[in-house]
Amino acid sequence: MKPIDMHVHVVGNGSGGTGCWLRVRGWHRPLAALMLKHIGLPSGVMKGDLDRLYIERLLELVRGSSLGAIVILAQDRVYDAQGCVMKEAGSFYVPNDYVLGLARQHPEFLPAVSIHPARPDALEELERCLAAGAVMMKCLPNCHNIDCNDRRYTKFWERMAATKLPLL
């Protein structure tokens, strides 16, 4: 069995109808330019066809490597404790449906979904993503505004544990 890279970010600007968005501001601009250059994408891609070109490049990199597959990461929106989207928070968004769809199209991709447990539909989204083949769940408490000790999320964490879905 070939190795699997368990942590590969997917980004997009929505140019391909993916639902992705990206906010690159301030000191993130030169960092984003450096990252694009490092993976072999042109500098103007941020305002162009980023969705398609980024995925094509990821596929090239995986197919030319010793890896068998990569786990591609969704990135949920930021929610407040009442379960409302904080519209101006977050630097990027990658929908679960996007990574799930990419994984259906390309066997090199394994989908890691991202679900904020404060979402009103968090448990339903978890079940939907499990049924669609999610192999991991990702959240970033410091970036997503998640208090992991909040008892309102207990059923969500317990359901994840019951299904043995790894948490990143």
N, C-alpha and C. Protein backbone atom coordinates (compact mmCIF):
# COMPACT_ATOMS: atom_id res chain seq x y z
N MET A 1 0.84 -1.19 0.00
CA MET A 1 0.00 0.00 0.00
C MET A 1 0.88 1.24 0.00
N LYS A 2 0.54 2.19 -0.86
CA LYS A 2 1.29 3.43 -0.95
C LYS A 2 0.89 4.38 0.19
N PRO A 3 1.80 5.28 0.58
CA PRO A 3 1.47 6.25 1.65
C PRO A 3 0.37 7.22 1.23
N ILE A 4 -0.29 7.77 2.24
CA ILE A 4 -1.34 8.77 2.04
C ILE A 4 -0.94 10.03 2.80
N ASP A 5 -0.98 11.16 2.11
CA ASP A 5 -0.78 12.45 2.78
C ASP A 5 -2.12 12.85 3.38
N MET A 6 -2.15 13.01 4.69
CA MET A 6 -3.40 13.23 5.41
C MET A 6 -3.80 14.69 5.57
N HIS A 7 -3.06 15.62 4.95
CA HIS A 7 -3.34 17.03 5.22
C HIS A 7 -2.98 17.88 4.00
N VAL A 8 -3.93 17.98 3.06
CA VAL A 8 -3.71 18.78 1.85
C VAL A 8 -4.87 19.75 1.71
N HIS A 9 -4.53 21.03 1.68
CA HIS A 9 -5.56 22.06 1.56
C HIS A 9 -6.02 22.21 0.12
N VAL A 10 -7.31 22.42 -0.02
CA VAL A 10 -7.91 22.80 -1.28
C VAL A 10 -8.32 24.25 -1.12
N VAL A 11 -8.05 25.05 -2.13
CA VAL A 11 -8.51 26.44 -2.14
C VAL A 11 -9.13 26.74 -3.49
N GLY A 12 -9.91 27.77 -3.51
CA GLY A 12 -10.51 28.21 -4.76
C GLY A 12 -11.11 29.59 -4.59
N ASN A 13 -11.39 30.20 -5.72
CA ASN A 13 -11.99 31.53 -5.71
C ASN A 13 -13.42 31.52 -6.24
N GLY A 14 -13.96 30.33 -6.48
CA GLY A 14 -15.32 30.22 -6.98
C GLY A 14 -15.43 30.31 -8.49
N SER A 15 -14.30 30.46 -9.17
CA SER A 15 -14.31 30.63 -10.63
C SER A 15 -14.93 29.44 -11.36
N GLY A 16 -14.89 28.28 -10.76
CA GLY A 16 -15.45 27.09 -11.40
C GLY A 16 -16.81 26.71 -10.87
N GLY A 17 -17.47 27.64 -10.18
CA GLY A 17 -18.78 27.34 -9.63
C GLY A 17 -18.71 26.39 -8.43
N THR A 18 -17.58 26.38 -7.75
CA THR A 18 -17.34 25.45 -6.65
C THR A 18 -17.94 25.89 -5.33
N GLY A 19 -18.25 27.17 -5.22
CA GLY A 19 -18.72 27.71 -3.95
C GLY A 19 -17.59 28.17 -3.05
N CYS A 20 -16.36 27.90 -3.46
CA CYS A 20 -15.19 28.33 -2.67
C CYS A 20 -15.05 29.84 -2.71
N TRP A 21 -14.45 30.38 -1.67
CA TRP A 21 -14.00 31.77 -1.70
C TRP A 21 -12.72 31.90 -0.90
N LEU A 22 -12.03 32.99 -1.19
CA LEU A 22 -10.72 33.22 -0.61
C LEU A 22 -10.55 34.71 -0.39
N ARG A 23 -10.15 35.08 0.81
CA ARG A 23 -9.87 36.49 1.14
C ARG A 23 -8.39 36.61 1.47
N VAL A 24 -7.65 37.21 0.57
CA VAL A 24 -6.22 37.38 0.80
C VAL A 24 -5.98 38.87 1.02
N ARG A 25 -5.64 39.20 2.26
CA ARG A 25 -5.46 40.61 2.64
C ARG A 25 -4.11 40.79 3.35
N GLY A 26 -3.64 42.02 3.34
CA GLY A 26 -2.47 42.40 4.13
C GLY A 26 -1.26 41.51 3.91
N TRP A 27 -0.68 41.05 5.01
CA TRP A 27 0.54 40.25 4.93
C TRP A 27 0.32 38.87 4.31
N HIS A 28 -0.94 38.49 4.12
CA HIS A 28 -1.22 37.21 3.46
C HIS A 28 -0.94 37.27 1.96
N ARG A 29 -0.95 38.49 1.38
CA ARG A 29 -0.73 38.62 -0.07
C ARG A 29 0.62 38.06 -0.51
N PRO A 30 1.73 38.52 0.09
CA PRO A 30 3.01 37.96 -0.36
C PRO A 30 3.14 36.47 -0.03
N LEU A 31 2.55 36.04 1.06
CA LEU A 31 2.58 34.63 1.41
C LEU A 31 1.82 33.80 0.38
N ALA A 32 0.67 34.27 -0.04
CA ALA A 32 -0.12 33.56 -1.06
C ALA A 32 0.65 33.50 -2.38
N ALA A 33 1.28 34.61 -2.76
CA ALA A 33 2.07 34.62 -3.99
C ALA A 33 3.22 33.63 -3.93
N LEU A 34 3.87 33.55 -2.78
CA LEU A 34 4.97 32.60 -2.59
C LEU A 34 4.47 31.15 -2.67
N MET A 35 3.33 30.89 -2.06
CA MET A 35 2.77 29.54 -2.08
C MET A 35 2.38 29.14 -3.51
N LEU A 36 1.78 30.05 -4.26
CA LEU A 36 1.41 29.76 -5.65
C LEU A 36 2.65 29.46 -6.48
N LYS A 37 3.66 30.27 -6.31
CA LYS A 37 4.91 30.07 -7.05
C LYS A 37 5.52 28.72 -6.69
N HIS A 38 5.49 28.39 -5.41
CA HIS A 38 6.09 27.14 -4.93
C HIS A 38 5.41 25.90 -5.54
N ILE A 39 4.11 25.96 -5.75
CA ILE A 39 3.43 24.79 -6.32
C ILE A 39 3.34 24.86 -7.85
N GLY A 40 3.89 25.94 -8.43
CA GLY A 40 3.97 26.02 -9.89
C GLY A 40 2.78 26.63 -10.58
N LEU A 41 2.05 27.51 -9.89
CA LEU A 41 0.94 28.21 -10.53
C LEU A 41 1.32 29.65 -10.83
N PRO A 42 0.78 30.21 -11.91
CA PRO A 42 1.11 31.60 -12.25
C PRO A 42 0.55 32.59 -11.25
N SER A 43 1.18 33.73 -11.12
CA SER A 43 0.79 34.73 -10.12
C SER A 43 -0.61 35.28 -10.34
N GLY A 44 -1.07 35.38 -11.57
CA GLY A 44 -2.39 35.94 -11.86
C GLY A 44 -3.55 34.98 -11.63
N VAL A 45 -3.26 33.77 -11.19
CA VAL A 45 -4.30 32.76 -11.05
C VAL A 45 -5.32 33.11 -9.96
N MET A 46 -4.93 33.94 -9.00
CA MET A 46 -5.87 34.31 -7.93
C MET A 46 -7.11 35.01 -8.48
N LYS A 47 -6.95 35.73 -9.58
CA LYS A 47 -8.08 36.43 -10.18
C LYS A 47 -8.57 35.70 -11.42
N GLY A 48 -8.02 34.52 -11.69
CA GLY A 48 -8.40 33.75 -12.87
C GLY A 48 -9.09 32.47 -12.50
N ASP A 49 -8.72 31.41 -13.20
CA ASP A 49 -9.36 30.11 -13.08
C ASP A 49 -8.67 29.27 -11.99
N LEU A 50 -8.61 29.82 -10.78
CA LEU A 50 -7.91 29.17 -9.68
C LEU A 50 -8.47 27.79 -9.36
N ASP A 51 -9.78 27.65 -9.33
CA ASP A 51 -10.40 26.38 -8.96
C ASP A 51 -9.87 25.22 -9.82
N ARG A 52 -9.95 25.37 -11.11
CA ARG A 52 -9.53 24.31 -12.03
C ARG A 52 -8.02 24.11 -12.01
N LEU A 53 -7.26 25.20 -12.09
CA LEU A 53 -5.80 25.09 -12.16
C LEU A 53 -5.20 24.50 -10.89
N TYR A 54 -5.76 24.84 -9.75
CA TYR A 54 -5.25 24.32 -8.48
C TYR A 54 -5.45 22.80 -8.40
N ILE A 55 -6.64 22.34 -8.77
CA ILE A 55 -6.93 20.90 -8.72
C ILE A 55 -6.09 20.15 -9.75
N GLU A 56 -5.95 20.70 -10.95
CA GLU A 56 -5.11 20.05 -11.96
C GLU A 56 -3.68 19.91 -11.45
N ARG A 57 -3.17 20.94 -10.78
CA ARG A 57 -1.81 20.89 -10.25
C ARG A 57 -1.70 19.87 -9.12
N LEU A 58 -2.69 19.82 -8.22
CA LEU A 58 -2.68 18.81 -7.16
C LEU A 58 -2.63 17.40 -7.76
N LEU A 59 -3.43 17.16 -8.77
CA LEU A 59 -3.45 15.85 -9.41
C LEU A 59 -2.09 15.51 -10.02
N GLU A 60 -1.47 16.48 -10.69
CA GLU A 60 -0.13 16.27 -11.25
C GLU A 60 0.87 15.90 -10.16
N LEU A 61 0.82 16.64 -9.06
CA LEU A 61 1.76 16.40 -7.98
C LEU A 61 1.57 15.01 -7.36
N VAL A 62 0.33 14.62 -7.14
CA VAL A 62 0.06 13.31 -6.54
C VAL A 62 0.47 12.20 -7.50
N ARG A 63 0.06 12.33 -8.74
CA ARG A 63 0.34 11.29 -9.73
C ARG A 63 1.84 11.13 -10.00
N GLY A 64 2.60 12.19 -9.80
CA GLY A 64 4.04 12.14 -10.01
C GLY A 64 4.83 11.81 -8.75
N SER A 65 4.14 11.46 -7.69
CA SER A 65 4.79 11.21 -6.41
C SER A 65 4.72 9.73 -6.03
N SER A 66 5.25 9.41 -4.88
CA SER A 66 5.17 8.05 -4.35
C SER A 66 3.89 7.83 -3.55
N LEU A 67 3.02 8.84 -3.49
CA LEU A 67 1.79 8.74 -2.71
C LEU A 67 0.72 7.95 -3.45
N GLY A 68 -0.10 7.26 -2.68
CA GLY A 68 -1.25 6.58 -3.24
C GLY A 68 -2.46 7.49 -3.33
N ALA A 69 -2.55 8.42 -2.39
CA ALA A 69 -3.69 9.33 -2.33
C ALA A 69 -3.36 10.48 -1.38
N ILE A 70 -4.23 11.49 -1.42
CA ILE A 70 -4.13 12.61 -0.48
C ILE A 70 -5.50 12.88 0.11
N VAL A 71 -5.52 13.28 1.37
CA VAL A 71 -6.77 13.68 2.02
C VAL A 71 -6.91 15.18 1.78
N ILE A 72 -7.96 15.55 1.04
CA ILE A 72 -8.19 16.96 0.74
C ILE A 72 -9.19 17.53 1.75
N LEU A 73 -8.88 18.73 2.22
CA LEU A 73 -9.59 19.32 3.35
C LEU A 73 -10.61 20.38 2.93
N ALA A 74 -11.83 20.19 3.38
CA ALA A 74 -12.83 21.25 3.29
C ALA A 74 -12.54 22.27 4.38
N GLN A 75 -13.19 23.41 4.32
CA GLN A 75 -13.02 24.46 5.34
C GLN A 75 -14.37 25.13 5.53
N ASP A 76 -15.00 24.89 6.67
CA ASP A 76 -16.32 25.45 6.94
C ASP A 76 -16.22 26.95 7.21
N ARG A 77 -17.37 27.60 7.20
CA ARG A 77 -17.45 29.01 7.57
C ARG A 77 -17.28 29.14 9.08
N VAL A 78 -17.11 30.36 9.53
CA VAL A 78 -17.01 30.64 10.96
C VAL A 78 -18.42 30.96 11.46
N TYR A 79 -18.78 30.35 12.61
CA TYR A 79 -20.09 30.55 13.21
C TYR A 79 -19.92 31.12 14.61
N ASP A 80 -20.94 31.84 15.07
CA ASP A 80 -20.92 32.28 16.46
C ASP A 80 -21.54 31.18 17.32
N ALA A 81 -21.56 31.38 18.62
CA ALA A 81 -22.05 30.35 19.55
C ALA A 81 -23.54 30.05 19.37
N GLN A 82 -24.29 30.96 18.73
CA GLN A 82 -25.71 30.74 18.49
C GLN A 82 -25.97 30.04 17.15
N GLY A 83 -24.90 29.73 16.42
CA GLY A 83 -25.04 29.02 15.16
C GLY A 83 -25.27 29.89 13.95
N CYS A 84 -24.96 31.19 14.07
CA CYS A 84 -25.11 32.11 12.94
C CYS A 84 -23.76 32.31 12.26
N VAL A 85 -23.77 32.32 10.93
CA VAL A 85 -22.55 32.55 10.18
C VAL A 85 -22.03 33.95 10.49
N MET A 86 -20.73 34.04 10.76
CA MET A 86 -20.06 35.33 10.96
C MET A 86 -19.47 35.71 9.59
N LYS A 87 -20.24 36.48 8.82
CA LYS A 87 -19.95 36.71 7.40
C LYS A 87 -18.60 37.33 7.09
N GLU A 88 -18.09 38.16 7.95
CA GLU A 88 -16.81 38.81 7.67
C GLU A 88 -15.61 38.05 8.27
N ALA A 89 -15.88 36.96 8.95
CA ALA A 89 -14.80 36.18 9.56
C ALA A 89 -14.34 35.08 8.61
N GLY A 90 -13.11 34.67 8.75
CA GLY A 90 -12.54 33.58 7.95
C GLY A 90 -11.81 34.09 6.74
N SER A 91 -10.76 33.37 6.37
CA SER A 91 -9.97 33.78 5.23
C SER A 91 -10.26 32.94 3.98
N PHE A 92 -10.87 31.77 4.16
CA PHE A 92 -11.28 31.01 2.99
C PHE A 92 -12.37 30.02 3.37
N TYR A 93 -13.08 29.57 2.34
CA TYR A 93 -14.18 28.62 2.52
C TYR A 93 -14.11 27.60 1.40
N VAL A 94 -14.17 26.33 1.77
CA VAL A 94 -14.19 25.23 0.81
C VAL A 94 -15.35 24.32 1.22
N PRO A 95 -16.43 24.28 0.45
CA PRO A 95 -17.61 23.50 0.84
C PRO A 95 -17.34 21.99 0.89
N ASN A 96 -18.05 21.34 1.78
CA ASN A 96 -17.97 19.88 1.86
C ASN A 96 -18.34 19.23 0.53
N ASP A 97 -19.36 19.73 -0.12
CA ASP A 97 -19.78 19.15 -1.39
C ASP A 97 -18.67 19.20 -2.43
N TYR A 98 -17.84 20.23 -2.37
CA TYR A 98 -16.74 20.35 -3.33
C TYR A 98 -15.72 19.23 -3.13
N VAL A 99 -15.26 19.02 -1.89
CA VAL A 99 -14.26 17.97 -1.68
C VAL A 99 -14.87 16.58 -1.86
N LEU A 100 -16.12 16.40 -1.49
CA LEU A 100 -16.78 15.12 -1.70
C LEU A 100 -16.89 14.82 -3.20
N GLY A 101 -17.23 15.83 -3.98
CA GLY A 101 -17.33 15.67 -5.43
C GLY A 101 -15.98 15.39 -6.07
N LEU A 102 -14.95 16.10 -5.63
CA LEU A 102 -13.61 15.84 -6.16
C LEU A 102 -13.17 14.41 -5.87
N ALA A 103 -13.49 13.93 -4.68
CA ALA A 103 -13.12 12.57 -4.31
C ALA A 103 -13.88 11.54 -5.15
N ARG A 104 -15.10 11.83 -5.53
CA ARG A 104 -15.85 10.92 -6.40
C ARG A 104 -15.23 10.88 -7.80
N GLN A 105 -14.69 12.01 -8.25
CA GLN A 105 -14.11 12.11 -9.60
C GLN A 105 -12.69 11.55 -9.70
N HIS A 106 -11.94 11.64 -8.60
CA HIS A 106 -10.52 11.30 -8.64
C HIS A 106 -10.16 10.36 -7.49
N PRO A 107 -9.78 9.13 -7.78
CA PRO A 107 -9.45 8.18 -6.70
C PRO A 107 -8.24 8.60 -5.87
N GLU A 108 -7.45 9.55 -6.36
CA GLU A 108 -6.30 10.05 -5.61
C GLU A 108 -6.71 10.94 -4.44
N PHE A 109 -7.96 11.39 -4.44
CA PHE A 109 -8.45 12.31 -3.41
C PHE A 109 -9.37 11.59 -2.43
N LEU A 110 -9.11 11.78 -1.15
CA LEU A 110 -9.96 11.28 -0.07
C LEU A 110 -10.53 12.49 0.64
N PRO A 111 -11.85 12.56 0.89
CA PRO A 111 -12.46 13.79 1.41
C PRO A 111 -12.45 13.92 2.94
N ALA A 112 -11.92 15.04 3.39
CA ALA A 112 -12.06 15.43 4.80
C ALA A 112 -13.04 16.60 4.82
N VAL A 113 -14.14 16.41 5.50
CA VAL A 113 -15.16 17.45 5.57
C VAL A 113 -14.89 18.37 6.75
N SER A 114 -15.57 19.49 6.76
CA SER A 114 -15.41 20.47 7.84
C SER A 114 -16.80 20.92 8.26
N ILE A 115 -17.11 20.69 9.54
CA ILE A 115 -18.45 21.01 10.05
C ILE A 115 -18.32 21.71 11.39
N HIS A 116 -18.78 22.93 11.45
CA HIS A 116 -18.79 23.65 12.72
C HIS A 116 -19.92 23.08 13.57
N PRO A 117 -19.63 22.61 14.79
CA PRO A 117 -20.68 21.97 15.60
C PRO A 117 -21.80 22.90 16.06
N ALA A 118 -21.63 24.21 15.91
CA ALA A 118 -22.69 25.15 16.27
C ALA A 118 -23.71 25.33 15.14
N ARG A 119 -23.38 24.82 13.95
CA ARG A 119 -24.32 24.94 12.84
C ARG A 119 -25.66 24.32 13.25
N PRO A 120 -26.76 24.96 12.89
CA PRO A 120 -28.06 24.37 13.22
C PRO A 120 -28.24 22.97 12.62
N ASP A 121 -27.57 22.70 11.50
CA ASP A 121 -27.69 21.41 10.82
C ASP A 121 -26.45 20.53 11.01
N ALA A 122 -25.68 20.75 12.05
CA ALA A 122 -24.39 20.06 12.22
C ALA A 122 -24.53 18.54 12.20
N LEU A 123 -25.45 17.99 12.96
CA LEU A 123 -25.61 16.54 13.00
C LEU A 123 -26.10 15.99 11.66
N GLU A 124 -27.02 16.68 11.03
CA GLU A 124 -27.51 16.25 9.72
C GLU A 124 -26.40 16.32 8.68
N GLU A 125 -25.59 17.37 8.73
CA GLU A 125 -24.47 17.51 7.79
C GLU A 125 -23.44 16.41 8.03
N LEU A 126 -23.20 16.08 9.28
CA LEU A 126 -22.27 15.00 9.60
C LEU A 126 -22.77 13.68 9.00
N GLU A 127 -24.03 13.37 9.18
CA GLU A 127 -24.60 12.13 8.64
C GLU A 127 -24.53 12.12 7.11
N ARG A 128 -24.85 13.24 6.51
CA ARG A 128 -24.82 13.35 5.05
C ARG A 128 -23.41 13.12 4.53
N CYS A 129 -22.43 13.73 5.18
CA CYS A 129 -21.03 13.60 4.75
C CYS A 129 -20.50 12.20 4.99
N LEU A 130 -20.89 11.57 6.09
CA LEU A 130 -20.49 10.18 6.34
C LEU A 130 -21.03 9.28 5.22
N ALA A 131 -22.30 9.46 4.88
CA ALA A 131 -22.91 8.65 3.83
C ALA A 131 -22.25 8.88 2.47
N ALA A 132 -21.68 10.08 2.28
CA ALA A 132 -21.03 10.42 1.02
C ALA A 132 -19.56 10.02 0.98
N GLY A 133 -19.05 9.45 2.07
CA GLY A 133 -17.69 8.92 2.04
C GLY A 133 -16.62 9.71 2.76
N ALA A 134 -17.00 10.61 3.64
CA ALA A 134 -15.99 11.38 4.39
C ALA A 134 -15.07 10.43 5.15
N VAL A 135 -13.77 10.71 5.11
CA VAL A 135 -12.78 9.88 5.81
C VAL A 135 -12.21 10.58 7.05
N MET A 136 -12.52 11.87 7.19
CA MET A 136 -12.00 12.65 8.31
C MET A 136 -12.87 13.90 8.46
N MET A 137 -12.86 14.47 9.66
CA MET A 137 -13.55 15.73 9.90
C MET A 137 -12.53 16.72 10.42
N LYS A 138 -12.54 17.92 9.86
CA LYS A 138 -11.56 18.94 10.22
C LYS A 138 -12.27 20.14 10.83
N CYS A 139 -11.72 20.62 11.92
CA CYS A 139 -12.12 21.93 12.43
C CYS A 139 -10.92 22.55 13.11
N LEU A 140 -10.89 23.84 13.09
CA LEU A 140 -9.82 24.61 13.72
C LEU A 140 -10.45 25.49 14.78
N PRO A 141 -10.48 25.02 16.03
CA PRO A 141 -11.18 25.78 17.07
C PRO A 141 -10.77 27.25 17.15
N ASN A 142 -9.49 27.54 16.98
CA ASN A 142 -9.05 28.93 17.07
C ASN A 142 -9.49 29.77 15.88
N CYS A 143 -9.59 29.19 14.71
CA CYS A 143 -10.01 29.92 13.51
C CYS A 143 -11.52 29.88 13.29
N HIS A 144 -12.14 28.79 13.70
CA HIS A 144 -13.57 28.61 13.49
C HIS A 144 -14.44 29.13 14.64
N ASN A 145 -13.81 29.61 15.70
CA ASN A 145 -14.57 30.11 16.84
C ASN A 145 -15.36 28.97 17.51
N ILE A 146 -14.66 27.88 17.82
CA ILE A 146 -15.30 26.71 18.43
C ILE A 146 -14.76 26.50 19.83
N ASP A 147 -15.65 26.46 20.79
CA ASP A 147 -15.30 26.05 22.14
C ASP A 147 -15.61 24.57 22.22
N CYS A 148 -14.59 23.74 22.09
CA CYS A 148 -14.79 22.28 22.04
C CYS A 148 -15.38 21.72 23.32
N ASN A 149 -15.32 22.47 24.41
CA ASN A 149 -15.87 22.01 25.68
C ASN A 149 -17.34 22.40 25.87
N ASP A 150 -17.89 23.10 24.92
CA ASP A 150 -19.29 23.51 25.01
C ASP A 150 -20.17 22.25 24.98
N ARG A 151 -20.93 22.04 26.02
CA ARG A 151 -21.74 20.82 26.15
C ARG A 151 -22.83 20.71 25.08
N ARG A 152 -23.16 21.81 24.45
CA ARG A 152 -24.17 21.74 23.38
C ARG A 152 -23.67 20.91 22.19
N TYR A 153 -22.36 20.71 22.10
CA TYR A 153 -21.78 19.96 20.98
C TYR A 153 -21.54 18.49 21.31
N THR A 154 -21.90 18.07 22.50
CA THR A 154 -21.60 16.70 22.94
C THR A 154 -22.15 15.65 21.98
N LYS A 155 -23.39 15.77 21.54
CA LYS A 155 -23.98 14.78 20.63
C LYS A 155 -23.19 14.72 19.32
N PHE A 156 -22.72 15.86 18.86
CA PHE A 156 -21.94 15.91 17.63
C PHE A 156 -20.64 15.13 17.80
N TRP A 157 -19.89 15.42 18.88
CA TRP A 157 -18.61 14.72 19.12
C TRP A 157 -18.85 13.23 19.36
N GLU A 158 -19.91 12.90 20.07
CA GLU A 158 -20.21 11.48 20.34
C GLU A 158 -20.55 10.73 19.06
N ARG A 159 -21.28 11.37 18.17
CA ARG A 159 -21.61 10.72 16.90
C ARG A 159 -20.35 10.49 16.07
N MET A 160 -19.47 11.48 16.05
CA MET A 160 -18.19 11.30 15.35
C MET A 160 -17.43 10.11 15.93
N ALA A 161 -17.35 10.05 17.25
CA ALA A 161 -16.63 8.97 17.93
C ALA A 161 -17.26 7.61 17.62
N ALA A 162 -18.59 7.56 17.62
CA ALA A 162 -19.28 6.30 17.35
C ALA A 162 -18.98 5.77 15.95
N THR A 163 -18.78 6.67 15.01
CA THR A 163 -18.49 6.26 13.63
C THR A 163 -16.99 6.10 13.37
N LYS A 164 -16.19 6.43 14.39
CA LYS A 164 -14.73 6.36 14.29
C LYS A 164 -14.17 7.30 13.23
N LEU A 165 -14.87 8.41 13.02
CA LEU A 165 -14.40 9.41 12.07
C LEU A 165 -13.29 10.22 12.73
N PRO A 166 -12.06 10.17 12.19
CA PRO A 166 -10.96 10.91 12.81
C PRO A 166 -11.20 12.42 12.78
N LEU A 167 -10.73 13.08 13.80
CA LEU A 167 -10.83 14.54 13.91
C LEU A 167 -9.46 15.15 13.70
N LEU A 168 -9.40 16.06 12.77
CA LEU A 168 -8.18 16.84 12.54
C LEU A 168 -8.46 18.24 13.04
